[in-house]
């Protein structure tokens, strides 16, 4: 089973930026929770799939019109 790509370009860029901020904040404050959240956000941005979007039927990818 392959997971659908449901994270668009702008959404992905925002996620990667937020992940960087969360991981940096986690390292500066020694907060493991912030680091874990940052890694989750980083993974969803890197893979282009957000598991929370699937049951909510959200798709931010740009669809090509036929």
Protein backbone atom coordinates (compact mmCIF):
# COMPACT_ATOMS: atom_id res chain seq x y z
CA UNK A 1 0.00 0.00 0.00
CA UNK A 2 1.42 3.36 -0.97
CA UNK A 3 0.41 6.53 0.82
CA UNK A 4 -1.04 9.33 -1.32
CA UNK A 5 0.94 12.51 -1.89
CA UNK A 6 -1.34 15.13 -0.33
CA UNK A 7 1.11 17.91 0.63
CA UNK A 8 1.60 20.61 -2.00
CA UNK A 9 4.67 22.73 -2.70
CA UNK A 10 3.77 25.71 -0.51
CA UNK A 11 2.55 23.45 2.29
CA UNK A 12 5.79 21.46 2.06
CA UNK A 13 7.98 24.58 2.22
CA UNK A 14 6.10 25.87 5.27
CA UNK A 15 6.43 22.47 6.98
CA UNK A 16 10.18 22.34 6.33
CA UNK A 17 10.66 25.85 7.75
CA UNK A 18 8.53 25.09 10.82
CA UNK A 19 10.41 21.82 11.32
CA UNK A 20 13.71 23.67 11.34
CA UNK A 21 12.43 26.14 13.92
CA UNK A 22 11.00 23.38 16.14
CA UNK A 23 14.15 21.27 16.02
CA UNK A 24 16.37 24.29 16.70
CA UNK A 25 14.15 25.39 19.60
CA UNK A 26 14.18 21.84 20.96
CA UNK A 27 17.96 21.68 20.84
CA UNK A 28 18.37 25.09 22.47
CA UNK A 29 15.94 24.30 25.31
CA UNK A 30 16.77 20.58 25.64
CA UNK A 31 13.12 19.79 24.94
CA UNK A 32 12.69 16.30 23.52
CA UNK A 33 9.03 16.99 22.73
CA UNK A 34 9.89 19.90 20.43
CA UNK A 35 12.52 17.77 18.71
CA UNK A 36 10.04 14.94 18.14
CA UNK A 37 7.39 17.33 16.81
CA UNK A 38 10.00 18.88 14.53
CA UNK A 39 11.00 15.48 13.19
CA UNK A 40 7.37 14.56 12.50
CA UNK A 41 6.77 17.83 10.64
CA UNK A 42 10.07 17.34 8.77
CA UNK A 43 9.04 13.82 7.71
CA UNK A 44 5.63 14.93 6.44
CA UNK A 45 7.27 17.70 4.45
CA UNK A 46 10.02 15.50 3.07
CA UNK A 47 7.74 12.61 2.05
CA UNK A 48 4.84 14.79 0.88
CA UNK A 49 2.26 12.81 2.83
CA UNK A 50 0.39 13.96 5.92
CA UNK A 51 -1.44 11.15 7.70
CA UNK A 52 -3.79 13.63 9.40
CA UNK A 53 -4.93 14.88 5.97
CA UNK A 54 -6.12 11.43 4.85
CA UNK A 55 -9.23 11.03 7.08
CA UNK A 56 -10.00 14.76 6.68
CA UNK A 57 -9.76 14.40 2.88
CA UNK A 58 -7.45 17.41 2.58
CA UNK A 59 -5.18 17.65 -0.45
CA UNK A 60 -2.97 20.70 -1.02
CA UNK A 61 -1.26 19.42 -4.16
CA UNK A 62 -1.82 21.29 -7.38
CA UNK A 63 -4.07 19.27 -9.64
CA UNK A 64 -3.54 19.46 -13.40
CA UNK A 65 -6.74 20.19 -15.29
CA UNK A 66 -7.47 17.82 -18.18
